[in-house]
Amino acid sequence: MTELRADKVSVAFAGLKALSGVDLTVTPGQIVGLIGPNGAGKTTLVNVLTGFQAATEGAVLLDGQPLGSLKPHEVRRRGIARTFQGGRLFRDLPVIDNLEVTGVGLGQSRAVAIAEAEAMLDWVGIAPLAGRIAGALPYTDERRVAIGRALMGRPKFLLLDEPAAGMSAQEAAELSALIRRIAVEMGCGVLLIEHNVGLVLGLCDHIVVLDSGAVIETGPPEAIRASEKVRHAYMGSAADIDLPVLEVEA
């Protein structure tokens, strides 16, 4: 079975462990949430899964094959795409060119890349942005363009790092609908790293909770909602979580 798996992944910086023996699995069509307080190690784990950070211990496996020796662009060509917290668009290029460049980088001819870029912008629902300069976009539109760019080449897995940051409730709801379409219609496995815990609880099939670099809880949304460990991890970090969603009283 196709799967992306972190197997007992640990990362240490100057002796300080950012991740400790983390296990996580994503399968096609599944939406997995990754949550935790600030500094829990969420982005570090995404960096390991996508080749931007080497694991000190453990392994990242795609269909059982280790990816540890691959560079980020090689991981991308294996079908593992990601977005970044800061968007990282080519800011001086039009939106359509941002997607086209990605297609060409994946080995497509320019004609094929342009055709897929146009189709992808339409599929994501942002075709009117095609001619806009990426650096002039509002923050939330940058996020949608980044997702469209990451979907070029139809990856097997998509890792979204804080895609709802700065979004209104309506924009977050629209993002949630898009992520669900990515999983259902594209059959893409999605790992969603997000501070909007309400969005995660309402969207994900399975959730992994990190605290201080270690997994403290895993399970379906209802198990996470009821978890005393999760409540304890978020106490004192009210800015990071919608406490009423977790039914924690002030």
C-alpha atoms as a PDB file:
ATOM      1  CA  MET A   1       0.000   0.000   0.000  1.00  0.00           C
ATOM      2  CA  THR A   2       1.262   3.478  -0.893  1.00  0.00           C
ATOM      3  CA  GLU A   3       2.139   5.458   2.216  1.00  0.00           C
ATOM      4  CA  LEU A   4       4.397   8.207   3.502  1.00  0.00           C
ATOM      5  CA  ARG A   5       5.763   7.302   6.906  1.00  0.00           C
ATOM      6  CA  ALA A   6       7.972   8.798   9.568  1.00  0.00           C
ATOM      7  CA  ASP A   7       9.498   5.904  11.510  1.00  0.00           C
ATOM      8  CA  LYS A   8      10.825   6.874  14.943  1.00  0.00           C
ATOM      9  CA  VAL A   9      12.207  10.170  13.624  1.00  0.00           C
ATOM     10  CA  SER A  10      14.396  12.192  15.971  1.00  0.00           C
ATOM     11  CA  VAL A  11      16.184  15.471  15.299  1.00  0.00           C
ATOM     12  CA  ALA A  12      18.741  17.097  17.583  1.00  0.00           C
ATOM     13  CA  PHE A  13      20.249  20.571  17.261  1.00  0.00           C
ATOM     14  CA  ALA A  14      23.454  21.023  19.285  1.00  0.00           C
ATOM     15  CA  GLY A  15      22.317  18.267  21.603  1.00  0.00           C
ATOM     16  CA  LEU A  16      18.800  19.656  22.060  1.00  0.00           C
ATOM     17  CA  LYS A  17      16.130  17.312  20.711  1.00  0.00           C
ATOM     18  CA  ALA A  18      13.568  19.001  18.482  1.00  0.00           C
ATOM     19  CA  LEU A  19      11.901  15.660  17.709  1.00  0.00           C
ATOM     20  CA  SER A  20      11.991  12.444  19.735  1.00  0.00           C
ATOM     21  CA  GLY A  21      11.018   9.136  18.142  1.00  0.00           C
ATOM     22  CA  VAL A  22       8.085  10.480  16.108  1.00  0.00           C
ATOM     23  CA  ASP A  23       5.904   8.015  14.190  1.00  0.00           C
ATOM     24  CA  LEU A  24       3.412   9.284  11.592  1.00  0.00           C
ATOM     25  CA  THR A  25       1.758   7.753   8.527  1.00  0.00           C
ATOM     26  CA  VAL A  26      -0.235   9.317   5.688  1.00  0.00           C
ATOM     27  CA  THR A  27      -2.003   7.280   2.996  1.00  0.00           C
ATOM     28  CA  PRO A  28      -3.587   8.424  -0.301  1.00  0.00           C
ATOM     29  CA  GLY A  29      -6.924  10.182   0.130  1.00  0.00           C
ATOM     30  CA  GLN A  30      -6.401  10.567   3.876  1.00  0.00           C
ATOM     31  CA  ILE A  31      -6.237  13.910   5.701  1.00  0.00           C
ATOM     32  CA  VAL A  32      -3.970  13.750   8.737  1.00  0.00           C
ATOM     33  CA  GLY A  33      -3.727  16.685  11.126  1.00  0.00           C
ATOM     34  CA  LEU A  34      -0.535  17.606  12.957  1.00  0.00           C
ATOM     35  CA  ILE A  35      -1.096  19.960  15.873  1.00  0.00           C
ATOM     36  CA  GLY A  36       0.705  21.111  18.987  1.00  0.00           C
ATOM     37  CA  PRO A  37       1.751  24.265  20.857  1.00  0.00           C
ATOM     38  CA  ASN A  38       4.380  26.635  19.469  1.00  0.00           C
ATOM     39  CA  GLY A  39       7.777  24.972  19.458  1.00  0.00           C
ATOM     40  CA  ALA A  40       6.318  21.462  19.467  1.00  0.00           C
ATOM     41  CA  GLY A  41       8.352  20.429  16.397  1.00  0.00           C
ATOM     42  CA  LYS A  42       5.652  20.474  13.710  1.00  0.00           C
ATOM     43  CA  THR A  43       7.584  22.350  11.029  1.00  0.00           C
ATOM     44  CA  THR A  44      10.760  20.432  11.848  1.00  0.00           C
ATOM     45  CA  LEU A  45       8.906  17.207  11.108  1.00  0.00           C
ATOM     46  CA  VAL A  46       7.623  18.582   7.788  1.00  0.00           C
ATOM     47  CA  ASN A  47      11.177  19.616   6.923  1.00  0.00           C
ATOM     48  CA  VAL A  48      12.375  16.071   7.593  1.00  0.00           C
ATOM     49  CA  LEU A  49       9.566  14.536   5.526  1.00  0.00           C
ATOM     50  CA  THR A  50      10.422  16.756   2.550  1.00  0.00           C
ATOM     51  CA  GLY A  51      14.220  16.542   2.630  1.00  0.00           C
ATOM     52  CA  PHE A  52      14.963  20.004   4.041  1.00  0.00           C
ATOM     53  CA  GLN A  53      16.225  18.594   7.336  1.00  0.00           C
ATOM     54  CA  ALA A  54      18.083  15.357   7.956  1.00  0.00           C
ATOM     55  CA  ALA A  55      16.857  13.112  10.733  1.00  0.00           C
ATOM     56  CA  THR A  56      19.355  12.414  13.501  1.00  0.00           C
ATOM     57  CA  GLU A  57      17.682   9.048  14.084  1.00  0.00           C
ATOM     58  CA  GLY A  58      14.891   7.117  12.404  1.00  0.00           C
ATOM     59  CA  ALA A  59      13.789   7.213   8.769  1.00  0.00           C
ATOM     60  CA  VAL A  60      11.299   8.649   6.302  1.00  0.00           C
ATOM     61  CA  LEU A  61       9.812   5.983   4.052  1.00  0.00           C
ATOM     62  CA  LEU A  62       7.806   6.249   0.845  1.00  0.00           C
ATOM     63  CA  ASP A  63       6.199   2.930  -0.046  1.00  0.00           C
ATOM     64  CA  GLY A  64       8.719   1.298   2.275  1.00  0.00           C
ATOM     65  CA  GLN A  65      11.750   2.873   0.599  1.00  0.00           C
ATOM     66  CA  PRO A  66      13.917   5.272   2.633  1.00  0.00           C
ATOM     67  CA  LEU A  67      14.162   8.878   1.424  1.00  0.00           C
ATOM     68  CA  GLY A  68      16.872  10.079   3.784  1.00  0.00           C
ATOM     69  CA  SER A  69      19.549  10.480   1.109  1.00  0.00           C
ATOM     70  CA  LEU A  70      17.378  12.531  -1.257  1.00  0.00           C
ATOM     71  CA  LYS A  71      17.507  16.307  -1.706  1.00  0.00           C
ATOM     72  CA  PRO A  72      14.275  18.327  -1.517  1.00  0.00           C
ATOM     73  CA  HIS A  73      13.815  18.540  -5.285  1.00  0.00           C
ATOM     74  CA  GLU A  74      14.292  14.776  -5.560  1.00  0.00           C
ATOM     75  CA  VAL A  75      11.689  14.200  -2.836  1.00  0.00           C
ATOM     76  CA  ARG A  76       9.328  16.475  -4.769  1.00  0.00           C
ATOM     77  CA  ARG A  77       9.828  14.441  -7.927  1.00  0.00           C
ATOM     78  CA  ARG A  78       8.909  11.320  -5.963  1.00  0.00           C
ATOM     79  CA  GLY A  79       5.471  12.850  -5.418  1.00  0.00           C
ATOM     80  CA  ILE A  80       5.771  14.611  -2.054  1.00  0.00           C
ATOM     81  CA  ALA A  81       4.866  18.311  -2.277  1.00  0.00           C
ATOM     82  CA  ARG A  82       4.628  20.973   0.401  1.00  0.00           C
ATOM     83  CA  THR A  83       3.747  24.571   1.117  1.00  0.00           C
ATOM     84  CA  PHE A  84       5.601  26.906   3.460  1.00  0.00           C
ATOM     85  CA  GLN A  85       4.398  29.218   6.208  1.00  0.00           C
ATOM     86  CA  GLY A  86       5.730  32.214   4.298  1.00  0.00           C
ATOM     87  CA  GLY A  87       4.328  31.237   0.889  1.00  0.00           C
ATOM     88  CA  ARG A  88       7.721  31.497  -0.870  1.00  0.00           C
ATOM     89  CA  LEU A  89       6.237  32.437  -4.223  1.00  0.00           C
ATOM     90  CA  PHE A  90       8.361  33.879  -7.023  1.00  0.00           C
ATOM     91  CA  ARG A  91       7.196  37.355  -6.146  1.00  0.00           C
ATOM     92  CA  ASP A  92       8.261  39.138  -9.341  1.00  0.00           C
ATOM     93  CA  LEU A  93       6.476  36.647 -11.608  1.00  0.00           C
ATOM     94  CA  PRO A  94       2.790  36.427 -12.508  1.00  0.00           C
ATOM     95  CA  VAL A  95       0.799  33.735 -10.727  1.00  0.00           C
ATOM     96  CA  ILE A  96       0.537  31.583 -13.872  1.00  0.00           C
ATOM     97  CA  ASP A  97       4.330  31.638 -14.237  1.00  0.00           C
ATOM     98  CA  ASN A  98       4.753  30.461 -10.639  1.00  0.00           C
ATOM     99  CA  LEU A  99       2.893  27.292 -11.531  1.00  0.00           C
ATOM    100  CA  GLU A 100       4.479  26.932 -14.967  1.00  0.00           C
ATOM    101  CA  VAL A 101       8.019  27.120 -13.528  1.00  0.00           C
ATOM    102  CA  THR A 102       7.128  24.323 -11.119  1.00  0.00           C
ATOM    103  CA  GLY A 103       5.859  22.127 -13.949  1.00  0.00           C
ATOM    104  CA  VAL A 104       9.011  22.684 -15.973  1.00  0.00           C
ATOM    105  CA  GLY A 105      11.087  21.921 -12.876  1.00  0.00           C
ATOM    106  CA  LEU A 106       9.260  18.610 -12.600  1.00  0.00           C
ATOM    107  CA  GLY A 107      10.304  17.703 -16.143  1.00  0.00           C
ATOM    108  CA  GLN A 108       7.283  18.845 -18.141  1.00  0.00           C
ATOM    109  CA  SER A 109       7.613  20.600 -21.472  1.00  0.00           C
ATOM    110  CA  ARG A 110       6.692  24.260 -21.369  1.00  0.00           C
ATOM    111  CA  ALA A 111       3.481  23.641 -23.329  1.00  0.00           C
ATOM    112  CA  VAL A 112       2.385  20.899 -20.933  1.00  0.00           C
ATOM    113  CA  ALA A 113       3.328  23.008 -17.910  1.00  0.00           C
ATOM    114  CA  ILE A 114       1.311  25.993 -19.170  1.00  0.00           C
ATOM    115  CA  ALA A 115      -1.727  23.818 -19.879  1.00  0.00           C
ATOM    116  CA  GLU A 116      -1.593  22.181 -16.446  1.00  0.00           C
ATOM    117  CA  ALA A 117      -1.006  25.536 -14.732  1.00  0.00           C
ATOM    118  CA  GLU A 118      -4.113  26.998 -16.361  1.00  0.00           C
ATOM    119  CA  ALA A 119      -6.169  23.925 -15.485  1.00  0.00           C
ATOM    120  CA  MET A 120      -4.875  23.914 -11.902  1.00  0.00           C
ATOM    121  CA  LEU A 121      -5.682  27.574 -11.298  1.00  0.00           C
ATOM    122  CA  ASP A 122      -9.198  26.911 -12.539  1.00  0.00           C
ATOM    123  CA  TRP A 123      -9.535  23.780 -10.385  1.00  0.00           C
ATOM    124  CA  VAL A 124      -8.380  25.605  -7.256  1.00  0.00           C
ATOM    125  CA  GLY A 125     -10.757  28.458  -8.080  1.00  0.00           C
ATOM    126  CA  ILE A 126      -8.214  31.211  -8.605  1.00  0.00           C
ATOM    127  CA  ALA A 127      -8.095  31.483 -12.412  1.00  0.00           C
ATOM    128  CA  PRO A 128      -8.753  35.275 -12.249  1.00  0.00           C
ATOM    129  CA  LEU A 129      -5.399  35.655 -10.465  1.00  0.00           C
ATOM    130  CA  ALA A 130      -3.389  34.162 -13.352  1.00  0.00           C
ATOM    131  CA  GLY A 131      -1.989  37.448 -14.644  1.00  0.00           C
ATOM    132  CA  ARG A 132      -1.453  39.104 -11.254  1.00  0.00           C
ATOM    133  CA  ILE A 133       2.099  39.622 -10.001  1.00  0.00           C
ATOM    134  CA  ALA A 134       2.544  37.193  -7.110  1.00  0.00           C
ATOM    135  CA  GLY A 135       4.233  39.741  -4.862  1.00  0.00           C
ATOM    136  CA  ALA A 136       1.208  42.050  -5.073  1.00  0.00           C
ATOM    137  CA  LEU A 137      -1.309  39.468  -3.858  1.00  0.00           C
ATOM    138  CA  PRO A 138      -3.083  39.661  -0.511  1.00  0.00           C
ATOM    139  CA  TYR A 139      -1.693  37.247   2.057  1.00  0.00           C
ATOM    140  CA  THR A 140      -4.589  34.808   1.835  1.00  0.00           C
ATOM    141  CA  ASP A 141      -4.423  34.667  -1.977  1.00  0.00           C
ATOM    142  CA  GLU A 142      -0.714  33.889  -1.686  1.00  0.00           C
ATOM    143  CA  ARG A 143      -1.681  30.798   0.322  1.00  0.00           C
ATOM    144  CA  ARG A 144      -4.104  29.599  -2.354  1.00  0.00           C
ATOM    145  CA  VAL A 145      -1.550  30.139  -5.110  1.00  0.00           C
ATOM    146  CA  ALA A 146       1.037  28.228  -3.071  1.00  0.00           C
ATOM    147  CA  ILE A 147      -1.368  25.286  -2.821  1.00  0.00           C
ATOM    148  CA  GLY A 148      -2.043  25.390  -6.571  1.00  0.00           C
ATOM    149  CA  ARG A 149       1.685  25.430  -7.250  1.00  0.00           C
ATOM    150  CA  ALA A 150       2.262  22.501  -4.902  1.00  0.00           C
ATOM    151  CA  LEU A 151      -0.387  20.484  -6.752  1.00  0.00           C
ATOM    152  CA  MET A 152       1.450  20.759 -10.074  1.00  0.00           C
ATOM    153  CA  GLY A 153       2.415  17.308 -11.304  1.00  0.00           C
ATOM    154  CA  ARG A 154      -0.356  15.704  -9.253  1.00  0.00           C
ATOM    155  CA  PRO A 155       1.688  14.695  -6.177  1.00  0.00           C
ATOM    156  CA  LYS A 156       0.815  11.631  -4.123  1.00  0.00           C
ATOM    157  CA  PHE A 157       1.173  13.589  -0.888  1.00  0.00           C
ATOM    158  CA  LEU A 158       0.703  17.248   0.014  1.00  0.00           C
ATOM    159  CA  LEU A 159       2.059  18.740   3.250  1.00  0.00           C
ATOM    160  CA  LEU A 160       0.436  22.040   4.191  1.00  0.00           C
ATOM    161  CA  ASP A 161       2.292  24.149   6.761  1.00  0.00           C
ATOM    162  CA  GLU A 162      -0.098  26.614   8.455  1.00  0.00           C
ATOM    163  CA  PRO A 163      -2.236  27.286   5.344  1.00  0.00           C
ATOM    164  CA  ALA A 164      -5.045  29.019   7.295  1.00  0.00           C
ATOM    165  CA  ALA A 165      -2.805  31.526   9.092  1.00  0.00           C
ATOM    166  CA  GLY A 166      -4.319  34.996   8.896  1.00  0.00           C
ATOM    167  CA  MET A 167      -7.541  33.800   7.278  1.00  0.00           C
ATOM    168  CA  SER A 168     -11.017  34.865   8.326  1.00  0.00           C
ATOM    169  CA  ALA A 169     -13.552  32.234   9.372  1.00  0.00           C
ATOM    170  CA  GLN A 170     -15.090  32.299   5.877  1.00  0.00           C
ATOM    171  CA  GLU A 171     -11.706  31.980   4.168  1.00  0.00           C
ATOM    172  CA  ALA A 172     -10.759  29.100   6.471  1.00  0.00           C
ATOM    173  CA  ALA A 173     -14.032  27.337   5.606  1.00  0.00           C
ATOM    174  CA  GLU A 174     -13.269  27.725   1.894  1.00  0.00           C
ATOM    175  CA  LEU A 175      -9.761  26.386   2.481  1.00  0.00           C
ATOM    176  CA  SER A 176     -11.212  23.404   4.338  1.00  0.00           C
ATOM    177  CA  ALA A 177     -13.466  22.620   1.377  1.00  0.00           C
ATOM    178  CA  LEU A 178     -10.472  22.839  -0.992  1.00  0.00           C
ATOM    179  CA  ILE A 179      -8.381  20.476   1.135  1.00  0.00           C
ATOM    180  CA  ARG A 180     -11.214  17.970   1.208  1.00  0.00           C
ATOM    181  CA  ARG A 181     -11.467  18.147  -2.590  1.00  0.00           C
ATOM    182  CA  ILE A 182      -7.716  17.556  -2.887  1.00  0.00           C
ATOM    183  CA  ALA A 183      -8.038  14.362  -0.850  1.00  0.00           C
ATOM    184  CA  VAL A 184     -11.263  13.091  -2.406  1.00  0.00           C
ATOM    185  CA  GLU A 185     -10.982  14.143  -6.048  1.00  0.00           C
ATOM    186  CA  MET A 186      -7.216  13.868  -6.487  1.00  0.00           C
ATOM    187  CA  GLY A 187      -6.745  10.956  -4.096  1.00  0.00           C
ATOM    188  CA  CYS A 188      -3.859  12.894  -2.560  1.00  0.00           C
ATOM    189  CA  GLY A 189      -2.758  12.172   1.003  1.00  0.00           C
ATOM    190  CA  VAL A 190      -2.715  15.433   2.980  1.00  0.00           C
ATOM    191  CA  LEU A 191      -0.757  16.286   6.107  1.00  0.00           C
ATOM    192  CA  LEU A 192      -2.238  19.455   7.596  1.00  0.00           C
ATOM    193  CA  ILE A 193      -0.106  21.401  10.087  1.00  0.00           C
ATOM    194  CA  GLU A 194      -2.339  24.036  11.581  1.00  0.00           C
ATOM    195  CA  HIS A 195      -2.913  26.224  14.652  1.00  0.00           C
ATOM    196  CA  ASN A 196      -6.621  26.464  13.819  1.00  0.00           C
ATOM    197  CA  VAL A 197      -7.552  23.391  15.816  1.00  0.00           C
ATOM    198  CA  GLY A 198     -11.238  23.806  15.044  1.00  0.00           C
ATOM    199  CA  LEU A 199     -10.434  23.431  11.340  1.00  0.00           C
ATOM    200  CA  VAL A 200      -8.301  20.349  12.041  1.00  0.00           C
ATOM    201  CA  LEU A 201     -10.957  18.685  14.214  1.00  0.00           C
ATOM    202  CA  GLY A 202     -13.626  19.281  11.596  1.00  0.00           C
ATOM    203  CA  LEU A 203     -11.592  18.163   8.589  1.00  0.00           C
ATOM    204  CA  CYS A 204      -9.071  15.473   9.457  1.00  0.00           C
ATOM    205  CA  ASP A 205      -9.535  11.699   9.524  1.00  0.00           C
ATOM    206  CA  HIS A 206      -6.689  11.223  11.983  1.00  0.00           C
ATOM    207  CA  ILE A 207      -4.733  13.630  14.168  1.00  0.00           C
ATOM    208  CA  VAL A 208      -1.246  13.507  15.674  1.00  0.00           C
ATOM    209  CA  VAL A 209      -0.430  15.825  18.578  1.00  0.00           C
ATOM    210  CA  LEU A 210       3.141  16.891  19.294  1.00  0.00           C
ATOM    211  CA  ASP A 211       4.440  18.517  22.449  1.00  0.00           C
ATOM    212  CA  SER A 212       8.110  19.258  23.080  1.00  0.00           C
ATOM    213  CA  GLY A 213       9.045  17.166  20.044  1.00  0.00           C
ATOM    214  CA  ALA A 214       7.241  13.998  21.089  1.00  0.00           C
ATOM    215  CA  VAL A 215       3.896  12.490  20.127  1.00  0.00           C
ATOM    216  CA  ILE A 216       1.571  12.758  23.114  1.00  0.00           C
ATOM    217  CA  GLU A 217      -1.661  11.633  21.452  1.00  0.00           C
ATOM    218  CA  THR A 218      -2.961  10.185  18.193  1.00  0.00           C
ATOM    219  CA  GLY A 219      -6.412   9.236  17.009  1.00  0.00           C
ATOM    220  CA  PRO A 220      -9.624  10.418  15.360  1.00  0.00           C
ATOM    221  CA  PRO A 221     -10.964  13.906  16.132  1.00  0.00           C
ATOM    222  CA  GLU A 222     -13.295  12.720  18.893  1.00  0.00           C
ATOM    223  CA  ALA A 223     -10.399  11.093  20.765  1.00  0.00           C
ATOM    224  CA  ILE A 224      -8.279  14.248  20.478  1.00  0.00           C
ATOM    225  CA  ARG A 225     -11.176  16.407  21.619  1.00  0.00           C
ATOM    226  CA  ALA A 226     -11.572  14.305  24.763  1.00  0.00           C
ATOM    227  CA  SER A 227      -7.855  13.908  25.537  1.00  0.00           C
ATOM    228  CA  GLU A 228      -6.619  15.208  28.893  1.00  0.00           C
ATOM    229  CA  LYS A 229      -3.051  15.115  27.527  1.00  0.00           C
ATOM    230  CA  VAL A 230      -3.993  17.498  24.722  1.00  0.00           C
ATOM    231  CA  ARG A 231      -5.798  19.851  27.094  1.00  0.00           C
ATOM    232  CA  HIS A 232      -2.787  19.909  29.381  1.00  0.00           C
ATOM    233  CA  ALA A 233      -0.382  20.600  26.463  1.00  0.00           C
ATOM    234  CA  TYR A 234      -2.373  23.638  25.420  1.00  0.00           C
ATOM    235  CA  MET A 235      -2.949  25.138  28.850  1.00  0.00           C
ATOM    236  CA  GLY A 236      -1.207  28.491  28.950  1.00  0.00           C
ATOM    237  CA  SER A 237      -1.164  28.622  25.135  1.00  0.00           C
ATOM    238  CA  ALA A 238      -4.673  29.914  24.561  1.00  0.00           C
ATOM    239  CA  ALA A 239      -3.536  31.970  21.579  1.00  0.00           C
ATOM    240  CA  ASP A 240      -2.661  28.766  19.746  1.00  0.00           C
ATOM    241  CA  ILE A 241      -5.985  27.002  20.116  1.00  0.00           C
ATOM    242  CA  ASP A 242      -9.682  27.678  20.121  1.00  0.00           C
ATOM    243  CA  LEU A 243     -10.225  26.430  23.654  1.00  0.00           C
ATOM    244  CA  PRO A 244     -14.027  26.090  23.371  1.00  0.00           C
ATOM    245  CA  VAL A 245     -13.472  23.610  20.529  1.00  0.00           C
ATOM    246  CA  LEU A 246     -11.669  21.373  22.985  1.00  0.00           C
ATOM    247  CA  GLU A 247     -14.318  22.082  25.602  1.00  0.00           C
ATOM    248  CA  VAL A 248     -11.786  23.462  28.031  1.00  0.00           C
ATOM    249  CA  GLU A 249     -13.374  25.913  30.434  1.00  0.00           C
ATOM    250  CA  ALA A 250     -11.620  29.090  31.436  1.00  0.00           C
END
